[in-house]
Amino acid sequence: MTDLLDAPTTTSAPVEHRLQLEWTITHDVSPAVWIGRYEGLFVGMVEERVPEGFTATTRLGRGLGNFETLEDAQEAFYRR
């Protein structure tokens, strides 16, 4: 089972739009945590790790790595 979302593909032109995850920050914990959902289903989270940066974890607990920026951590949920 894969935890990553594939970008939609077509054969006629390069893909410029991909499926968008919705990110919600929770202020109930510190440091901050962003919850990622796709069509209402939990897909994973990004945790802020001061001063290291951000870490991304899938819904099944698979670590996607540590990242310098929030955007890079969120981007890790898409297959390249």
N, C-alpha and C. Protein backbone atom coordinates (compact mmCIF):
# COMPACT_ATOMS: atom_id res chain seq x y z
N MET A 1 0.85 -1.16 0.00
CA MET A 1 0.00 0.00 0.00
C MET A 1 0.90 1.23 0.00
N THR A 2 0.57 2.19 -0.83
CA THR A 2 1.37 3.41 -0.88
C THR A 2 0.72 4.52 -0.08
N ASP A 3 1.53 5.39 0.48
CA ASP A 3 1.04 6.50 1.29
C ASP A 3 1.10 7.81 0.54
N LEU A 4 1.63 7.79 -0.66
CA LEU A 4 1.83 9.01 -1.41
C LEU A 4 0.77 9.16 -2.48
N LEU A 5 0.47 10.40 -2.83
CA LEU A 5 -0.52 10.67 -3.87
C LEU A 5 0.19 10.96 -5.18
N ASP A 6 -0.29 10.35 -6.25
CA ASP A 6 0.26 10.64 -7.57
C ASP A 6 -0.41 11.87 -8.15
N ALA A 7 0.35 12.65 -8.86
CA ALA A 7 -0.23 13.78 -9.58
C ALA A 7 -1.04 13.22 -10.74
N PRO A 8 -2.16 13.85 -11.11
CA PRO A 8 -2.93 13.37 -12.25
C PRO A 8 -2.08 13.50 -13.52
N THR A 9 -2.22 12.54 -14.41
CA THR A 9 -1.42 12.58 -15.63
C THR A 9 -2.30 12.53 -16.87
N THR A 10 -1.79 13.11 -17.95
CA THR A 10 -2.43 13.02 -19.26
C THR A 10 -1.35 12.72 -20.28
N THR A 11 -1.72 12.22 -21.43
CA THR A 11 -0.74 11.91 -22.45
C THR A 11 -0.54 13.06 -23.43
N SER A 12 -1.42 14.04 -23.42
CA SER A 12 -1.34 15.10 -24.42
C SER A 12 -0.50 16.29 -24.00
N ALA A 13 -0.36 16.56 -22.71
CA ALA A 13 0.38 17.75 -22.26
C ALA A 13 0.98 17.48 -20.89
N PRO A 14 2.05 18.19 -20.56
CA PRO A 14 2.62 18.04 -19.22
C PRO A 14 1.62 18.45 -18.15
N VAL A 15 1.70 17.79 -17.00
CA VAL A 15 0.80 18.09 -15.90
C VAL A 15 1.33 19.28 -15.13
N GLU A 16 0.47 20.29 -14.95
CA GLU A 16 0.86 21.45 -14.18
C GLU A 16 0.06 21.56 -12.89
N HIS A 17 -1.05 20.83 -12.78
CA HIS A 17 -1.87 20.87 -11.58
C HIS A 17 -1.88 19.49 -10.95
N ARG A 18 -1.73 19.44 -9.67
CA ARG A 18 -1.79 18.17 -8.96
C ARG A 18 -2.87 18.22 -7.91
N LEU A 19 -3.27 17.06 -7.44
CA LEU A 19 -4.27 16.99 -6.38
C LEU A 19 -3.77 17.75 -5.17
N GLN A 20 -4.63 18.51 -4.55
CA GLN A 20 -4.23 19.34 -3.43
C GLN A 20 -4.65 18.74 -2.10
N LEU A 21 -3.69 18.66 -1.21
CA LEU A 21 -3.99 18.28 0.16
C LEU A 21 -4.42 19.52 0.91
N GLU A 22 -5.31 19.37 1.86
CA GLU A 22 -5.72 20.48 2.72
C GLU A 22 -4.93 20.37 4.02
N TRP A 23 -4.29 21.48 4.40
CA TRP A 23 -3.48 21.50 5.62
C TRP A 23 -4.15 22.37 6.67
N THR A 24 -4.29 21.83 7.87
CA THR A 24 -4.89 22.54 8.99
C THR A 24 -3.89 22.56 10.14
N ILE A 25 -3.58 23.75 10.63
CA ILE A 25 -2.67 23.85 11.78
C ILE A 25 -3.46 23.67 13.05
N THR A 26 -2.86 22.97 13.99
CA THR A 26 -3.49 22.82 15.29
C THR A 26 -2.68 23.60 16.32
N HIS A 27 -3.37 24.36 17.13
CA HIS A 27 -2.71 25.16 18.16
C HIS A 27 -2.82 24.48 19.52
N ASP A 28 -3.30 23.23 19.53
CA ASP A 28 -3.47 22.50 20.78
C ASP A 28 -2.16 21.96 21.32
N VAL A 29 -1.15 21.88 20.47
CA VAL A 29 0.15 21.38 20.89
C VAL A 29 1.23 22.40 20.52
N SER A 30 2.36 22.28 21.19
CA SER A 30 3.48 23.16 20.88
C SER A 30 4.74 22.31 20.88
N PRO A 31 5.55 22.39 19.85
CA PRO A 31 5.48 23.23 18.66
C PRO A 31 4.34 22.81 17.73
N ALA A 32 4.15 23.62 16.73
CA ALA A 32 2.99 23.48 15.83
C ALA A 32 2.99 22.16 15.05
N VAL A 33 1.76 21.69 14.73
CA VAL A 33 1.55 20.50 13.92
C VAL A 33 0.51 20.85 12.85
N TRP A 34 0.79 20.47 11.60
CA TRP A 34 -0.15 20.65 10.50
C TRP A 34 -0.71 19.28 10.14
N ILE A 35 -2.03 19.18 10.06
CA ILE A 35 -2.72 17.94 9.73
C ILE A 35 -3.09 17.99 8.25
N GLY A 36 -2.67 16.96 7.49
CA GLY A 36 -2.97 16.89 6.06
C GLY A 36 -4.13 15.97 5.78
N ARG A 37 -5.07 16.47 4.97
CA ARG A 37 -6.23 15.67 4.58
C ARG A 37 -6.43 15.77 3.08
N TYR A 38 -6.91 14.67 2.51
CA TYR A 38 -7.29 14.64 1.10
C TYR A 38 -8.71 14.12 1.05
N GLU A 39 -9.62 14.94 0.53
CA GLU A 39 -11.05 14.61 0.48
C GLU A 39 -11.55 14.18 1.85
N GLY A 40 -11.09 14.88 2.90
CA GLY A 40 -11.55 14.64 4.25
C GLY A 40 -10.85 13.51 4.99
N LEU A 41 -10.00 12.76 4.32
CA LEU A 41 -9.30 11.64 4.95
C LEU A 41 -7.90 12.06 5.39
N PHE A 42 -7.53 11.68 6.60
CA PHE A 42 -6.21 11.98 7.14
C PHE A 42 -5.14 11.26 6.34
N VAL A 43 -4.13 12.00 5.85
CA VAL A 43 -3.04 11.38 5.09
C VAL A 43 -1.71 11.50 5.81
N GLY A 44 -1.60 12.42 6.76
CA GLY A 44 -0.36 12.55 7.49
C GLY A 44 -0.26 13.89 8.19
N MET A 45 0.94 14.14 8.74
CA MET A 45 1.13 15.39 9.45
C MET A 45 2.55 15.89 9.29
N VAL A 46 2.69 17.18 9.50
CA VAL A 46 3.99 17.83 9.50
C VAL A 46 4.17 18.46 10.87
N GLU A 47 5.29 18.15 11.51
CA GLU A 47 5.59 18.71 12.83
C GLU A 47 6.73 19.71 12.72
N GLU A 48 6.60 20.82 13.43
CA GLU A 48 7.70 21.77 13.49
C GLU A 48 8.68 21.29 14.55
N ARG A 49 9.95 21.23 14.18
CA ARG A 49 11.00 20.81 15.10
C ARG A 49 12.00 21.95 15.25
N VAL A 50 11.85 22.70 16.32
CA VAL A 50 12.71 23.85 16.55
C VAL A 50 14.03 23.36 17.13
N PRO A 51 15.18 23.70 16.65
CA PRO A 51 15.48 24.57 15.51
C PRO A 51 15.75 23.80 14.23
N GLU A 52 15.52 22.47 14.20
CA GLU A 52 15.89 21.65 13.04
C GLU A 52 15.08 21.93 11.78
N GLY A 53 13.83 22.31 11.91
CA GLY A 53 12.97 22.53 10.75
C GLY A 53 11.64 21.81 10.92
N PHE A 54 11.30 20.96 9.95
CA PHE A 54 10.00 20.28 9.92
C PHE A 54 10.20 18.82 9.57
N THR A 55 9.34 17.96 10.12
CA THR A 55 9.38 16.54 9.79
C THR A 55 8.00 16.11 9.30
N ALA A 56 7.96 15.27 8.29
CA ALA A 56 6.71 14.80 7.69
C ALA A 56 6.53 13.32 8.00
N THR A 57 5.31 12.95 8.41
CA THR A 57 4.98 11.57 8.76
C THR A 57 3.64 11.20 8.14
N THR A 58 3.57 10.04 7.49
CA THR A 58 2.33 9.60 6.87
C THR A 58 1.35 9.09 7.92
N ARG A 59 0.13 8.81 7.50
CA ARG A 59 -0.91 8.32 8.40
C ARG A 59 -0.56 6.97 9.00
N LEU A 60 0.33 6.24 8.36
CA LEU A 60 0.74 4.93 8.86
C LEU A 60 2.03 5.01 9.67
N GLY A 61 2.52 6.23 9.92
CA GLY A 61 3.71 6.40 10.74
C GLY A 61 5.02 6.36 9.98
N ARG A 62 4.97 6.32 8.67
CA ARG A 62 6.19 6.30 7.86
C ARG A 62 6.78 7.70 7.80
N GLY A 63 8.03 7.84 8.19
CA GLY A 63 8.71 9.12 8.13
C GLY A 63 9.13 9.44 6.71
N LEU A 64 8.78 10.63 6.25
CA LEU A 64 9.16 11.06 4.90
C LEU A 64 10.42 11.91 4.91
N GLY A 65 10.90 12.26 6.10
CA GLY A 65 12.14 13.00 6.20
C GLY A 65 12.02 14.28 6.99
N ASN A 66 13.16 14.95 7.10
CA ASN A 66 13.25 16.24 7.76
C ASN A 66 13.51 17.30 6.71
N PHE A 67 12.91 18.47 6.87
CA PHE A 67 12.96 19.51 5.85
C PHE A 67 13.20 20.87 6.48
N GLU A 68 13.82 21.76 5.73
CA GLU A 68 14.10 23.10 6.22
C GLU A 68 12.87 23.99 6.27
N THR A 69 11.92 23.78 5.34
CA THR A 69 10.74 24.64 5.28
C THR A 69 9.46 23.81 5.38
N LEU A 70 8.40 24.47 5.80
CA LEU A 70 7.08 23.84 5.86
C LEU A 70 6.64 23.38 4.48
N GLU A 71 6.86 24.20 3.48
CA GLU A 71 6.45 23.87 2.11
C GLU A 71 7.15 22.62 1.61
N ASP A 72 8.45 22.47 1.91
CA ASP A 72 9.17 21.27 1.49
C ASP A 72 8.62 20.02 2.18
N ALA A 73 8.28 20.14 3.45
CA ALA A 73 7.72 19.01 4.18
C ALA A 73 6.37 18.61 3.62
N GLN A 74 5.53 19.59 3.30
CA GLN A 74 4.22 19.29 2.72
C GLN A 74 4.36 18.70 1.32
N GLU A 75 5.33 19.14 0.57
CA GLU A 75 5.58 18.65 -0.79
C GLU A 75 6.00 17.17 -0.77
N ALA A 76 6.56 16.71 0.33
CA ALA A 76 7.02 15.32 0.43
C ALA A 76 5.88 14.32 0.31
N PHE A 77 4.65 14.74 0.47
CA PHE A 77 3.50 13.84 0.36
C PHE A 77 3.13 13.54 -1.09
N TYR A 78 3.78 14.19 -2.03
CA TYR A 78 3.55 13.94 -3.45
C TYR A 78 4.72 13.16 -4.01
N ARG A 79 4.44 12.20 -4.83
CA ARG A 79 5.48 11.43 -5.52
C ARG A 79 6.05 12.26 -6.64
N ARG A 80 7.33 12.25 -6.78
CA ARG A 80 7.98 13.04 -7.85
C ARG A 80 8.33 12.19 -9.00
